[in-house]
PDB file of N, CA and C in Angstrom:
ATOM      1  N   UNK A   1      10.193  60.377  91.428  1.00  0.00           N
ATOM      2  CA  UNK A   1       9.738  61.213  90.345  1.00  0.00           C
ATOM      3  C   UNK A   1      10.757  62.299  89.988  1.00  0.00           C
ATOM      4  N   UNK A   2      11.516  62.742  90.980  1.00  0.00           N
ATOM      5  CA  UNK A   2      12.534  63.754  90.669  1.00  0.00           C
ATOM      6  C   UNK A   2      13.855  63.076  90.373  1.00  0.00           C
ATOM      7  N   UNK A   3      14.633  63.713  89.545  1.00  0.00           N
ATOM      8  CA  UNK A   3      15.951  63.204  89.201  1.00  0.00           C
ATOM      9  C   UNK A   3      16.935  63.712  90.237  1.00  0.00           C
ATOM     10  N   UNK A   4      17.279  62.895  91.197  1.00  0.00           N
ATOM     11  CA  UNK A   4      18.153  63.284  92.310  1.00  0.00           C
ATOM     12  C   UNK A   4      19.562  62.793  92.028  1.00  0.00           C
ATOM     13  N   UNK A   5      20.385  63.660  91.479  1.00  0.00           N
ATOM     14  CA  UNK A   5      21.723  63.276  91.071  1.00  0.00           C
ATOM     15  C   UNK A   5      22.713  63.621  92.182  1.00  0.00           C
ATOM     16  N   UNK A   6      23.340  62.626  92.741  1.00  0.00           N
ATOM     17  CA  UNK A   6      24.371  62.867  93.752  1.00  0.00           C
ATOM     18  C   UNK A   6      25.628  62.109  93.336  1.00  0.00           C
ATOM     19  N   UNK A   7      26.417  62.716  92.504  1.00  0.00           N
ATOM     20  CA  UNK A   7      27.674  62.115  92.085  1.00  0.00           C
ATOM     21  C   UNK A   7      28.812  62.844  92.777  1.00  0.00           C
ATOM     22  N   UNK A   8      29.976  62.317  92.646  1.00  0.00           N
ATOM     23  CA  UNK A   8      31.136  62.912  93.302  1.00  0.00           C
ATOM     24  C   UNK A   8      31.462  64.278  92.687  1.00  0.00           C
ATOM     25  N   UNK A   9      31.557  65.245  93.551  1.00  0.00           N
ATOM     26  CA  UNK A   9      31.912  66.603  93.137  1.00  0.00           C
ATOM     27  C   UNK A   9      33.299  66.884  93.707  1.00  0.00           C
ATOM     28  N   UNK A  10      34.210  67.394  92.890  1.00  0.00           N
ATOM     29  CA  UNK A  10      35.558  67.656  93.405  1.00  0.00           C
ATOM     30  C   UNK A  10      35.531  68.496  94.687  1.00  0.00           C
ATOM     31  N   UNK A  11      36.345  68.092  95.637  1.00  0.00           N
ATOM     32  CA  UNK A  11      36.368  68.738  96.957  1.00  0.00           C
ATOM     33  C   UNK A  11      36.692  70.222  96.854  1.00  0.00           C
ATOM     34  N   UNK A  12      37.606  70.595  95.951  1.00  0.00           N
ATOM     35  CA  UNK A  12      37.995  71.997  95.846  1.00  0.00           C
ATOM     36  C   UNK A  12      36.812  72.877  95.450  1.00  0.00           C
ATOM     37  N   UNK A  13      35.883  72.334  94.668  1.00  0.00           N
ATOM     38  CA  UNK A  13      34.692  73.107  94.285  1.00  0.00           C
ATOM     39  C   UNK A  13      33.817  73.351  95.499  1.00  0.00           C
ATOM     40  N   UNK A  14      33.631  72.316  96.306  1.00  0.00           N
ATOM     41  CA  UNK A  14      32.828  72.480  97.525  1.00  0.00           C
ATOM     42  C   UNK A  14      33.470  73.486  98.476  1.00  0.00           C
ATOM     43  N   UNK A  15      34.772  73.382  98.640  1.00  0.00           N
ATOM     44  CA  UNK A  15      35.484  74.320  99.525  1.00  0.00           C
ATOM     45  C   UNK A  15      35.341  75.746  98.998  1.00  0.00           C
ATOM     46  N   UNK A  16      35.558  75.931  97.707  1.00  0.00           N
ATOM     47  CA  UNK A  16      35.416  77.258  97.100  1.00  0.00           C
ATOM     48  C   UNK A  16      34.010  77.816  97.337  1.00  0.00           C
ATOM     49  N   UNK A  17      32.992  76.995  97.113  1.00  0.00           N
ATOM     50  CA  UNK A  17      31.612  77.475  97.275  1.00  0.00           C
ATOM     51  C   UNK A  17      31.275  77.761  98.733  1.00  0.00           C
ATOM     52  N   UNK A  18      31.777  76.939  99.674  1.00  0.00           N
ATOM     53  CA  UNK A  18      31.546  77.232 101.094  1.00  0.00           C
ATOM     54  C   UNK A  18      32.216  78.555 101.482  1.00  0.00           C
ATOM     55  N   UNK A  19      33.430  78.773 100.996  1.00  0.00           N
ATOM     56  CA  UNK A  19      34.143  80.019 101.305  1.00  0.00           C
ATOM     57  C   UNK A  19      33.390  81.217 100.728  1.00  0.00           C
ATOM     58  N   UNK A  20      32.965  81.109  99.463  1.00  0.00           N
ATOM     59  CA  UNK A  20      32.249  82.246  98.864  1.00  0.00           C
ATOM     60  C   UNK A  20      30.909  82.479  99.555  1.00  0.00           C
ATOM     61  N   UNK A  21      30.234  81.405  99.969  1.00  0.00           N
ATOM     62  CA  UNK A  21      28.963  81.578 100.695  1.00  0.00           C
ATOM     63  C   UNK A  21      29.214  82.286 102.025  1.00  0.00           C
ATOM     64  N   UNK A  22      30.270  81.886 102.734  1.00  0.00           N
ATOM     65  CA  UNK A  22      30.591  82.520 104.019  1.00  0.00           C
ATOM     66  C   UNK A  22      30.952  83.988 103.841  1.00  0.00           C
ATOM     67  N   UNK A  23      31.803  84.275 102.858  1.00  0.00           N
ATOM     68  CA  UNK A  23      32.196  85.664 102.608  1.00  0.00           C
ATOM     69  C   UNK A  23      30.976  86.494 102.200  1.00  0.00           C
ATOM     70  N   UNK A  24      30.141  85.921 101.357  1.00  0.00           N
ATOM     71  CA  UNK A  24      28.954  86.634 100.881  1.00  0.00           C
ATOM     72  C   UNK A  24      28.006  86.965 102.022  1.00  0.00           C
ATOM     73  N   UNK A  25      27.714  85.990 102.873  1.00  0.00           N
ATOM     74  CA  UNK A  25      26.788  86.245 103.979  1.00  0.00           C
ATOM     75  C   UNK A  25      27.425  87.206 104.987  1.00  0.00           C
ATOM     76  N   UNK A  26      28.729  87.086 105.227  1.00  0.00           N
ATOM     77  CA  UNK A  26      29.419  87.990 106.164  1.00  0.00           C
ATOM     78  C   UNK A  26      29.398  89.431 105.654  1.00  0.00           C
ATOM     79  N   UNK A  27      29.727  89.603 104.380  1.00  0.00           N
ATOM     80  CA  UNK A  27      29.720  90.952 103.804  1.00  0.00           C
ATOM     81  C   UNK A  27      28.316  91.538 103.788  1.00  0.00           C
ATOM     82  N   UNK A  28      27.327  90.701 103.528  1.00  0.00           N
ATOM     83  CA  UNK A  28      25.948  91.188 103.511  1.00  0.00           C
ATOM     84  C   UNK A  28      25.504  91.636 104.893  1.00  0.00           C
ATOM     85  N   UNK A  29      25.830  90.855 105.907  1.00  0.00           N
ATOM     86  CA  UNK A  29      25.475  91.249 107.270  1.00  0.00           C
ATOM     87  C   UNK A  29      26.201  92.529 107.662  1.00  0.00           C
ATOM     88  N   UNK A  30      27.459  92.645 107.270  1.00  0.00           N
ATOM     89  CA  UNK A  30      28.193  93.886 107.540  1.00  0.00           C
ATOM     90  C   UNK A  30      27.518  95.054 106.835  1.00  0.00           C
ATOM     91  N   UNK A  31      27.056  94.824 105.618  1.00  0.00           N
ATOM     92  CA  UNK A  31      26.369  95.873 104.868  1.00  0.00           C
ATOM     93  C   UNK A  31      25.063  96.299 105.510  1.00  0.00           C
ATOM     94  N   UNK A  32      24.359  95.355 106.106  1.00  0.00           N
ATOM     95  CA  UNK A  32      23.113  95.702 106.787  1.00  0.00           C
ATOM     96  C   UNK A  32      23.368  96.534 108.036  1.00  0.00           C
ATOM     97  N   UNK A  33      24.400  96.161 108.795  1.00  0.00           N
ATOM     98  CA  UNK A  33      24.629  96.808 110.079  1.00  0.00           C
ATOM     99  C   UNK A  33      25.584  97.996 110.027  1.00  0.00           C
ATOM    100  N   UNK A  34      26.525  98.006 109.085  1.00  0.00           N
ATOM    101  CA  UNK A  34      27.494  99.095 108.962  1.00  0.00           C
ATOM    102  C   UNK A  34      27.785  99.362 107.486  1.00  0.00           C
ATOM    103  N   UNK A  35      26.787  99.835 106.737  1.00  0.00           N
ATOM    104  CA  UNK A  35      27.006 100.014 105.295  1.00  0.00           C
ATOM    105  C   UNK A  35      28.135 100.983 104.971  1.00  0.00           C
ATOM    106  N   UNK A  36      28.295 102.019 105.772  1.00  0.00           N
ATOM    107  CA  UNK A  36      29.359 102.980 105.483  1.00  0.00           C
ATOM    108  C   UNK A  36      30.744 102.373 105.693  1.00  0.00           C
ATOM    109  N   UNK A  37      30.881 101.449 106.632  1.00  0.00           N
ATOM    110  CA  UNK A  37      32.171 100.791 106.860  1.00  0.00           C
ATOM    111  C   UNK A  37      32.510  99.837 105.716  1.00  0.00           C
ATOM    112  N   UNK A  38      31.502  99.170 105.179  1.00  0.00           N
ATOM    113  CA  UNK A  38      31.725  98.199 104.110  1.00  0.00           C
ATOM    114  C   UNK A  38      32.004  98.879 102.773  1.00  0.00           C
ATOM    115  N   UNK A  39      31.304  99.960 102.506  1.00  0.00           N
ATOM    116  CA  UNK A  39      31.344 100.566 101.171  1.00  0.00           C
ATOM    117  C   UNK A  39      31.832 102.013 101.162  1.00  0.00           C
ATOM    118  N   UNK A  40      32.564 102.435 102.182  1.00  0.00           N
ATOM    119  CA  UNK A  40      32.943 103.845 102.293  1.00  0.00           C
ATOM    120  C   UNK A  40      33.889 104.312 101.192  1.00  0.00           C
ATOM    121  N   UNK A  41      34.562 103.398 100.518  1.00  0.00           N
ATOM    122  CA  UNK A  41      35.491 103.805  99.461  1.00  0.00           C
ATOM    123  C   UNK A  41      34.799 103.994  98.113  1.00  0.00           C
ATOM    124  N   UNK A  42      33.533 103.669  98.029  1.00  0.00           N
ATOM    125  CA  UNK A  42      32.800 103.818  96.767  1.00  0.00           C
ATOM    126  C   UNK A  42      32.150 105.204  96.766  1.00  0.00           C
ATOM    127  N   UNK A  43      32.892 106.198  96.256  1.00  0.00           N
ATOM    128  CA  UNK A  43      32.437 107.581  96.317  1.00  0.00           C
ATOM    129  C   UNK A  43      31.095 107.803  95.636  1.00  0.00           C
ATOM    130  N   UNK A  44      30.844 107.093  94.559  1.00  0.00           N
ATOM    131  CA  UNK A  44      29.582 107.271  93.836  1.00  0.00           C
ATOM    132  C   UNK A  44      28.395 106.895  94.713  1.00  0.00           C
ATOM    133  N   UNK A  45      28.555 105.870  95.537  1.00  0.00           N
ATOM    134  CA  UNK A  45      27.463 105.477  96.433  1.00  0.00           C
ATOM    135  C   UNK A  45      27.216 106.544  97.485  1.00  0.00           C
ATOM    136  N   UNK A  46      28.303 107.064  98.037  1.00  0.00           N
ATOM    137  CA  UNK A  46      28.154 108.092  99.069  1.00  0.00           C
ATOM    138  C   UNK A  46      27.510 109.349  98.501  1.00  0.00           C
ATOM    139  N   UNK A  47      27.945 109.769  97.313  1.00  0.00           N
ATOM    140  CA  UNK A  47      27.428 110.987  96.695  1.00  0.00           C
ATOM    141  C   UNK A  47      25.958 110.849  96.330  1.00  0.00           C
ATOM    142  N   UNK A  48      25.556 109.674  95.916  1.00  0.00           N
ATOM    143  CA  UNK A  48      24.167 109.464  95.470  1.00  0.00           C
ATOM    144  C   UNK A  48      23.240 109.124  96.623  1.00  0.00           C
ATOM    145  N   UNK A  49      23.773 108.960  97.820  1.00  0.00           N
ATOM    146  CA  UNK A  49      22.945 108.571  98.954  1.00  0.00           C
ATOM    147  C   UNK A  49      22.437 107.149  98.829  1.00  0.00           C
ATOM    148  N   UNK A  50      23.191 106.303  98.146  1.00  0.00           N
ATOM    149  CA  UNK A  50      22.736 104.942  97.853  1.00  0.00           C
ATOM    150  C   UNK A  50      22.983 103.958  98.990  1.00  0.00           C
ATOM    151  N   UNK A  51      23.486 104.431 100.122  1.00  0.00           N
ATOM    152  CA  UNK A  51      23.738 103.519 101.229  1.00  0.00           C
ATOM    153  C   UNK A  51      22.503 103.275 102.078  1.00  0.00           C
ATOM    154  N   UNK A  52      21.344 103.621 101.561  1.00  0.00           N
ATOM    155  CA  UNK A  52      20.088 103.338 102.252  1.00  0.00           C
ATOM    156  C   UNK A  52      19.652 101.911 101.940  1.00  0.00           C
ATOM    157  N   UNK A  53      19.185 101.199 102.948  1.00  0.00           N
ATOM    158  CA  UNK A  53      18.697  99.836 102.710  1.00  0.00           C
ATOM    159  C   UNK A  53      17.430  99.824 101.860  1.00  0.00           C
ATOM    160  N   UNK A  54      16.782 100.968 101.740  1.00  0.00           N
ATOM    161  CA  UNK A  54      15.584 101.054 100.900  1.00  0.00           C
ATOM    162  C   UNK A  54      15.946 101.237  99.424  1.00  0.00           C
ATOM    163  N   UNK A  55      17.217 101.431  99.140  1.00  0.00           N
ATOM    164  CA  UNK A  55      17.647 101.683  97.762  1.00  0.00           C
ATOM    165  C   UNK A  55      18.497 100.559  97.202  1.00  0.00           C
ATOM    166  N   UNK A  56      19.448 100.927  96.366  1.00  0.00           N
ATOM    167  CA  UNK A  56      20.284  99.924  95.702  1.00  0.00           C
ATOM    168  C   UNK A  56      21.064  99.024  96.661  1.00  0.00           C
ATOM    169  N   UNK A  57      21.478  99.567  97.802  1.00  0.00           N
ATOM    170  CA  UNK A  57      22.225  98.747  98.750  1.00  0.00           C
ATOM    171  C   UNK A  57      21.369  97.589  99.249  1.00  0.00           C
ATOM    172  N   UNK A  58      20.136  97.866  99.574  1.00  0.00           N
ATOM    173  CA  UNK A  58      19.236  96.808 100.044  1.00  0.00           C
ATOM    174  C   UNK A  58      19.036  95.722  98.996  1.00  0.00           C
ATOM    175  N   UNK A  59      18.902  96.128  97.740  1.00  0.00           N
ATOM    176  CA  UNK A  59      18.751  95.147  96.657  1.00  0.00           C
ATOM    177  C   UNK A  59      20.015  94.312  96.505  1.00  0.00           C
ATOM    178  N   UNK A  60      21.167  94.950  96.564  1.00  0.00           N
ATOM    179  CA  UNK A  60      22.457  94.263  96.457  1.00  0.00           C
ATOM    180  C   UNK A  60      22.637  93.255  97.591  1.00  0.00           C
ATOM    181  N   UNK A  61      22.346  93.687  98.816  1.00  0.00           N
ATOM    182  CA  UNK A  61      22.504  92.800  99.964  1.00  0.00           C
ATOM    183  C   UNK A  61      21.518  91.640  99.915  1.00  0.00           C
ATOM    184  N   UNK A  62      20.300  91.906  99.499  1.00  0.00           N
ATOM    185  CA  UNK A  62      19.299  90.837  99.388  1.00  0.00           C
ATOM    186  C   UNK A  62      19.728  89.788  98.372  1.00  0.00           C
ATOM    187  N   UNK A  63      20.255  90.238  97.248  1.00  0.00           N
ATOM    188  CA  UNK A  63      20.742  89.313  96.219  1.00  0.00           C
ATOM    189  C   UNK A  63      21.867  88.454  96.773  1.00  0.00           C
ATOM    190  N   UNK A  64      22.761  89.071  97.510  1.00  0.00           N
ATOM    191  CA  UNK A  64      23.888  88.323  98.052  1.00  0.00           C
ATOM    192  C   UNK A  64      23.470  87.319  99.118  1.00  0.00           C
ATOM    193  N   UNK A  65      22.548  87.690  99.984  1.00  0.00           N
ATOM    194  CA  UNK A  65      22.056  86.746 100.992  1.00  0.00           C
ATOM    195  C   UNK A  65      21.367  85.568 100.301  1.00  0.00           C
ATOM    196  N   UNK A  66      20.550  85.844  99.303  1.00  0.00           N
ATOM    197  CA  UNK A  66      19.867  84.775  98.575  1.00  0.00           C
ATOM    198  C   UNK A  66      20.870  83.840  97.905  1.00  0.00           C
ATOM    199  N   UNK A  67      21.900  84.396  97.301  1.00  0.00           N
ATOM    200  CA  UNK A  67      22.928  83.582  96.653  1.00  0.00           C
ATOM    201  C   UNK A  67      23.630  82.684  97.678  1.00  0.00           C
ATOM    202  N   UNK A  68      23.957  83.222  98.833  1.00  0.00           N
ATOM    203  CA  UNK A  68      24.632  82.441  99.874  1.00  0.00           C
ATOM    204  C   UNK A  68      23.737  81.319 100.395  1.00  0.00           C
ATOM    205  N   UNK A  69      22.461  81.611 100.598  1.00  0.00           N
ATOM    206  CA  UNK A  69      21.526  80.589 101.100  1.00  0.00           C
ATOM    207  C   UNK A  69      21.340  79.478 100.076  1.00  0.00           C
ATOM    208  N   UNK A  70      21.160  79.836  98.819  1.00  0.00           N
ATOM    209  CA  UNK A  70      21.002  78.836  97.762  1.00  0.00           C
ATOM    210  C   UNK A  70      22.280  78.003  97.623  1.00  0.00           C
ATOM    211  N   UNK A  71      23.438  78.631  97.736  1.00  0.00           N
ATOM    212  CA  UNK A  71      24.708  77.910  97.670  1.00  0.00           C
ATOM    213  C   UNK A  71      24.816  76.898  98.800  1.00  0.00           C
ATOM    214  N   UNK A  72      24.530  77.325 100.028  1.00  0.00           N
ATOM    215  CA  UNK A  72      24.592  76.419 101.181  1.00  0.00           C
ATOM    216  C   UNK A  72      23.597  75.261 101.022  1.00  0.00           C
ATOM    217  N   UNK A  73      22.407  75.549 100.543  1.00  0.00           N
ATOM    218  CA  UNK A  73      21.399  74.508 100.340  1.00  0.00           C
ATOM    219  C   UNK A  73      21.887  73.461  99.340  1.00  0.00           C
ATOM    220  N   UNK A  74      22.440  73.912  98.221  1.00  0.00           N
ATOM    221  CA  UNK A  74      22.939  72.985  97.199  1.00  0.00           C
ATOM    222  C   UNK A  74      24.088  72.140  97.743  1.00  0.00           C
ATOM    223  N   UNK A  75      24.955  72.743  98.538  1.00  0.00           N
ATOM    224  CA  UNK A  75      26.088  72.004  99.100  1.00  0.00           C
ATOM    225  C   UNK A  75      25.631  70.970 100.126  1.00  0.00           C
ATOM    226  N   UNK A  76      24.665  71.337 100.947  1.00  0.00           N
ATOM    227  CA  UNK A  76      24.141  70.384 101.937  1.00  0.00           C
ATOM    228  C   UNK A  76      23.446  69.216 101.236  1.00  0.00           C
ATOM    229  N   UNK A  77      22.714  69.495 100.185  1.00  0.00           N
ATOM    230  CA  UNK A  77      22.036  68.443  99.416  1.00  0.00           C
ATOM    231  C   UNK A  77      23.017  67.595  98.616  1.00  0.00           C
ATOM    232  N   UNK A  78      24.206  68.133  98.343  1.00  0.00           N
ATOM    233  CA  UNK A  78      25.249  67.442  97.580  1.00  0.00           C
ATOM    234  C   UNK A  78      24.719  66.928  96.240  1.00  0.00           C
ATOM    235  N   UNK A  79      23.982  67.792  95.573  1.00  0.00           N
ATOM    236  CA  UNK A  79      23.359  67.446  94.304  1.00  0.00           C
ATOM    237  C   UNK A  79      24.118  68.148  93.186  1.00  0.00           C
ATOM    238  N   UNK A  80      24.683  67.381  92.267  1.00  0.00           N
ATOM    239  CA  UNK A  80      25.532  67.969  91.228  1.00  0.00           C
ATOM    240  C   UNK A  80      24.767  68.939  90.334  1.00  0.00           C
ATOM    241  N   UNK A  81      23.523  68.637  90.028  1.00  0.00           N
ATOM    242  CA  UNK A  81      22.738  69.549  89.182  1.00  0.00           C
ATOM    243  C   UNK A  81      22.497  70.875  89.890  1.00  0.00           C
ATOM    244  N   UNK A  82      22.215  70.813  91.184  1.00  0.00           N
ATOM    245  CA  UNK A  82      21.994  72.046  91.954  1.00  0.00           C
ATOM    246  C   UNK A  82      23.292  72.844  92.063  1.00  0.00           C
ATOM    247  N   UNK A  83      24.398  72.158  92.260  1.00  0.00           N
ATOM    248  CA  UNK A  83      25.679  72.854  92.375  1.00  0.00           C
ATOM    249  C   UNK A  83      26.054  73.495  91.044  1.00  0.00           C
ATOM    250  N   UNK A  84      25.782  72.812  89.940  1.00  0.00           N
ATOM    251  CA  UNK A  84      26.034  73.427  88.628  1.00  0.00           C
ATOM    252  C   UNK A  84      25.165  74.669  88.437  1.00  0.00           C
ATOM    253  N   UNK A  85      23.933  74.614  88.907  1.00  0.00           N
ATOM    254  CA  UNK A  85      23.042  75.775  88.805  1.00  0.00           C
ATOM    255  C   UNK A  85      23.562  76.932  89.658  1.00  0.00           C
ATOM    256  N   UNK A  86      24.061  76.636  90.848  1.00  0.00           N
ATOM    257  CA  UNK A  86      24.668  77.665  91.700  1.00  0.00           C
ATOM    258  C   UNK A  86      25.884  78.272  91.000  1.00  0.00           C
ATOM    259  N   UNK A  87      26.712  77.431  90.396  1.00  0.00           N
ATOM    260  CA  UNK A  87      27.878  77.947  89.679  1.00  0.00           C
ATOM    261  C   UNK A  87      27.458  78.828  88.512  1.00  0.00           C
ATOM    262  N   UNK A  88      26.399  78.442  87.805  1.00  0.00           N
ATOM    263  CA  UNK A  88      25.898  79.267  86.705  1.00  0.00           C
ATOM    264  C   UNK A  88      25.414  80.625  87.232  1.00  0.00           C
ATOM    265  N   UNK A  89      24.706  80.612  88.349  1.00  0.00           N
ATOM    266  CA  UNK A  89      24.259  81.856  88.984  1.00  0.00           C
ATOM    267  C   UNK A  89      25.458  82.731  89.333  1.00  0.00           C
ATOM    268  N   UNK A  90      26.490  82.133  89.901  1.00  0.00           N
ATOM    269  CA  UNK A  90      27.673  82.888  90.295  1.00  0.00           C
ATOM    270  C   UNK A  90      28.444  83.382  89.078  1.00  0.00           C
ATOM    271  N   UNK A  91      28.513  82.570  88.008  1.00  0.00           N
ATOM    272  CA  UNK A  91      29.193  83.004  86.783  1.00  0.00           C
ATOM    273  C   UNK A  91      28.545  84.266  86.237  1.00  0.00           C
ATOM    274  N   UNK A  92      27.218  84.264  86.168  1.00  0.00           N
ATOM    275  CA  UNK A  92      26.502  85.431  85.653  1.00  0.00           C
ATOM    276  C   UNK A  92      26.686  86.627  86.586  1.00  0.00           C
ATOM    277  N   UNK A  93      26.499  86.426  87.882  1.00  0.00           N
ATOM    278  CA  UNK A  93      26.633  87.525  88.850  1.00  0.00           C
ATOM    279  C   UNK A  93      28.039  88.101  88.860  1.00  0.00           C
ATOM    280  N   UNK A  94      29.037  87.235  88.957  1.00  0.00           N
ATOM    281  CA  UNK A  94      30.418  87.721  89.015  1.00  0.00           C
ATOM    282  C   UNK A  94      30.864  88.286  87.671  1.00  0.00           C
ATOM    283  N   UNK A  95      30.369  87.728  86.580  1.00  0.00           N
ATOM    284  CA  UNK A  95      30.672  88.297  85.258  1.00  0.00           C
ATOM    285  C   UNK A  95      30.102  89.690  85.101  1.00  0.00           C
ATOM    286  N   UNK A  96      28.870  89.880  85.573  1.00  0.00           N
ATOM    287  CA  UNK A  96      28.269  91.216  85.512  1.00  0.00           C
ATOM    288  C   UNK A  96      28.957  92.174  86.480  1.00  0.00           C
ATOM    289  N   UNK A  97      29.384  91.662  87.639  1.00  0.00           N
ATOM    290  CA  UNK A  97      30.163  92.502  88.560  1.00  0.00           C
ATOM    291  C   UNK A  97      31.455  92.960  87.892  1.00  0.00           C
ATOM    292  N   UNK A  98      32.095  92.069  87.157  1.00  0.00           N
ATOM    293  CA  UNK A  98      33.307  92.425  86.415  1.00  0.00           C
ATOM    294  C   UNK A  98      33.012  93.562  85.439  1.00  0.00           C
ATOM    295  N   UNK A  99      31.990  93.408  84.624  1.00  0.00           N
ATOM    296  CA  UNK A  99      31.647  94.416  83.611  1.00  0.00           C
ATOM    297  C   UNK A  99      31.265  95.740  84.265  1.00  0.00           C
ATOM    298  N   UNK A 100      30.399  95.695  85.269  1.00  0.00           N
ATOM    299  CA  UNK A 100      29.946  96.924  85.932  1.00  0.00           C
ATOM    300  C   UNK A 100      31.108  97.678  86.572  1.00  0.00           C
ATOM    301  N   UNK A 101      32.018  96.941  87.188  1.00  0.00           N
ATOM    302  CA  UNK A 101      33.136  97.605  87.859  1.00  0.00           C
ATOM    303  C   UNK A 101      34.199  98.074  86.879  1.00  0.00           C
ATOM    304  N   UNK A 102      34.321  97.422  85.730  1.00  0.00           N
ATOM    305  CA  UNK A 102      35.190  97.951  84.677  1.00  0.00           C
ATOM    306  C   UNK A 102      34.652  99.289  84.190  1.00  0.00           C
ATOM    307  N   UNK A 103      33.349  99.354  83.984  1.00  0.00           N
ATOM    308  CA  UNK A 103      32.713 100.598  83.530  1.00  0.00           C
ATOM    309  C   UNK A 103      32.890 101.697  84.575  1.00  0.00           C
ATOM    310  N   UNK A 104      32.755 101.321  85.858  1.00  0.00           N
ATOM    311  CA  UNK A 104      32.868 102.302  86.942  1.00  0.00           C
ATOM    312  C   UNK A 104      34.310 102.662  87.271  1.00  0.00           C
ATOM    313  N   UNK A 105      35.269 101.946  86.687  1.00  0.00           N
ATOM    314  CA  UNK A 105      36.667 102.231  86.968  1.00  0.00           C
ATOM    315  C   UNK A 105      37.129 101.708  88.312  1.00  0.00           C
ATOM    316  N   UNK A 106      36.424 100.739  88.866  1.00  0.00           N
ATOM    317  CA  UNK A 106      36.784 100.157  90.159  1.00  0.00           C
ATOM    318  C   UNK A 106      37.567  98.868  89.888  1.00  0.00           C
ATOM    319  N   UNK A 107      38.835  99.016  89.566  1.00  0.00           N
ATOM    320  CA  UNK A 107      39.636  97.883  89.110  1.00  0.00           C
ATOM    321  C   UNK A 107      39.817  96.764  90.134  1.00  0.00           C
ATOM    322  N   UNK A 108      40.010  97.036  91.416  1.00  0.00           N
ATOM    323  CA  UNK A 108      40.178  95.916  92.351  1.00  0.00           C
ATOM    324  C   UNK A 108      38.958  94.982  92.368  1.00  0.00           C
ATOM    325  N   UNK A 109      37.770  95.554  92.375  1.00  0.00           N
ATOM    326  CA  UNK A 109      36.561  94.726  92.389  1.00  0.00           C
ATOM    327  C   UNK A 109      36.354  94.059  91.030  1.00  0.00           C
ATOM    328  N   UNK A 110      36.696  94.749  89.947  1.00  0.00           N
ATOM    329  CA  UNK A 110      36.585  94.157  88.614  1.00  0.00           C
ATOM    330  C   UNK A 110      37.510  92.949  88.491  1.00  0.00           C
ATOM    331  N   UNK A 111      38.719  93.065  88.977  1.00  0.00           N
ATOM    332  CA  UNK A 111      39.673  91.948  88.921  1.00  0.00           C
ATOM    333  C   UNK A 111      39.164  90.780  89.762  1.00  0.00           C
ATOM    334  N   UNK A 112      38.674  91.080  90.957  1.00  0.00           N
ATOM    335  CA  UNK A 112      38.136  90.026  91.813  1.00  0.00           C
ATOM    336  C   UNK A 112      36.965  89.317  91.127  1.00  0.00           C
ATOM    337  N   UNK A 113      36.054  90.080  90.528  1.00  0.00           N
ATOM    338  CA  UNK A 113      34.925  89.482  89.819  1.00  0.00           C
ATOM    339  C   UNK A 113      35.381  88.630  88.652  1.00  0.00           C
ATOM    340  N   UNK A 114      36.384  89.096  87.917  1.00  0.00           N
ATOM    341  CA  UNK A 114      36.903  88.333  86.787  1.00  0.00           C
ATOM    342  C   UNK A 114      37.558  87.033  87.209  1.00  0.00           C
ATOM    343  N   UNK A 115      38.363  87.083  88.266  1.00  0.00           N
ATOM    344  CA  UNK A 115      39.028  85.871  88.761  1.00  0.00           C
ATOM    345  C   UNK A 115      37.989  84.869  89.253  1.00  0.00           C
ATOM    346  N   UNK A 116      37.015  85.354  90.010  1.00  0.00           N
ATOM    347  CA  UNK A 116      35.970  84.452  90.508  1.00  0.00           C
ATOM    348  C   UNK A 116      35.183  83.844  89.350  1.00  0.00           C
ATOM    349  N   UNK A 117      34.873  84.639  88.357  1.00  0.00           N
ATOM    350  CA  UNK A 117      34.133  84.156  87.193  1.00  0.00           C
ATOM    351  C   UNK A 117      34.918  83.047  86.479  1.00  0.00           C
ATOM    352  N   UNK A 118      36.216  83.230  86.320  1.00  0.00           N
ATOM    353  CA  UNK A 118      37.043  82.202  85.677  1.00  0.00           C
ATOM    354  C   UNK A 118      37.089  80.916  86.497  1.00  0.00           C
ATOM    355  N   UNK A 119      37.227  81.046  87.809  1.00  0.00           N
ATOM    356  CA  UNK A 119      37.222  79.865  88.683  1.00  0.00           C
ATOM    357  C   UNK A 119      35.891  79.125  88.542  1.00  0.00           C
ATOM    358  N   UNK A 120      34.802  79.873  88.525  1.00  0.00           N
ATOM    359  CA  UNK A 120      33.476  79.260  88.445  1.00  0.00           C
ATOM    360  C   UNK A 120      33.222  78.603  87.092  1.00  0.00           C
ATOM    361  N   UNK A 121      33.724  79.194  86.025  1.00  0.00           N
ATOM    362  CA  UNK A 121      33.591  78.566  84.704  1.00  0.00           C
ATOM    363  C   UNK A 121      34.366  77.250  84.685  1.00  0.00           C
ATOM    364  N   UNK A 122      35.569  77.264  85.231  1.00  0.00           N
ATOM    365  CA  UNK A 122      36.381  76.047  85.294  1.00  0.00           C
ATOM    366  C   UNK A 122      35.676  74.985  86.149  1.00  0.00           C
ATOM    367  N   UNK A 123      35.160  75.389  87.319  1.00  0.00           N
ATOM    368  CA  UNK A 123      34.453  74.449  88.198  1.00  0.00           C
ATOM    369  C   UNK A 123      33.219  73.876  87.503  1.00  0.00           C
ATOM    370  N   UNK A 124      32.478  74.721  86.819  1.00  0.00           N
ATOM    371  CA  UNK A 124      31.271  74.286  86.097  1.00  0.00           C
ATOM    372  C   UNK A 124      31.629  73.188  85.103  1.00  0.00           C
ATOM    373  N   UNK A 125      32.747  73.361  84.412  1.00  0.00           N
ATOM    374  CA  UNK A 125      33.151  72.384  83.385  1.00  0.00           C
ATOM    375  C   UNK A 125      33.627  71.069  84.012  1.00  0.00           C
ATOM    376  N   UNK A 126      33.992  71.067  85.285  1.00  0.00           N
ATOM    377  CA  UNK A 126      34.503  69.867  85.942  1.00  0.00           C
ATOM    378  C   UNK A 126      33.396  68.985  86.525  1.00  0.00           C
ATOM    379  N   UNK A 127      32.182  69.499  86.638  1.00  0.00           N
ATOM    380  CA  UNK A 127      31.094  68.706  87.210  1.00  0.00           C
ATOM    381  C   UNK A 127      30.336  68.019  86.086  1.00  0.00           C
ATOM    382  N   UNK A 128      30.327  66.722  86.147  1.00  0.00           N
ATOM    383  CA  UNK A 128      29.599  65.930  85.151  1.00  0.00           C
ATOM    384  C   UNK A 128      28.254  65.536  85.766  1.00  0.00           C
ATOM    385  N   UNK A 129      27.198  65.860  85.070  1.00  0.00           N
ATOM    386  CA  UNK A 129      25.872  65.458  85.587  1.00  0.00           C
ATOM    387  C   UNK A 129      25.017  64.882  84.499  1.00  0.00           C
TER     388      UNK A 129
END
């Protein structure tokens, strides 16, 4: 009854997604256990007291853990439609990270978000489903 599409997905896309899932879950765990070590250079967070898990940091970390889990699930299932959906999620997230960090003047993170967004757009276009 379900459309279970498992076609060949380029290996580089899988490797990229596994790496981003690993980095995402690692950074999130670091944020839970040592938020000041992970984000100490973001002065606005320190000034606003936003390093509380009950505030914006907790929401950010939760989003990242969810993204990593969904990415790993799609990769294990090896389903092209699910992987395209993960890439779409990452395109939107990384694109918004680019915009938010441009506004905040945090150029290193903005550049990273932009590069990741471009890679994900290219990967999205390479998967035929």
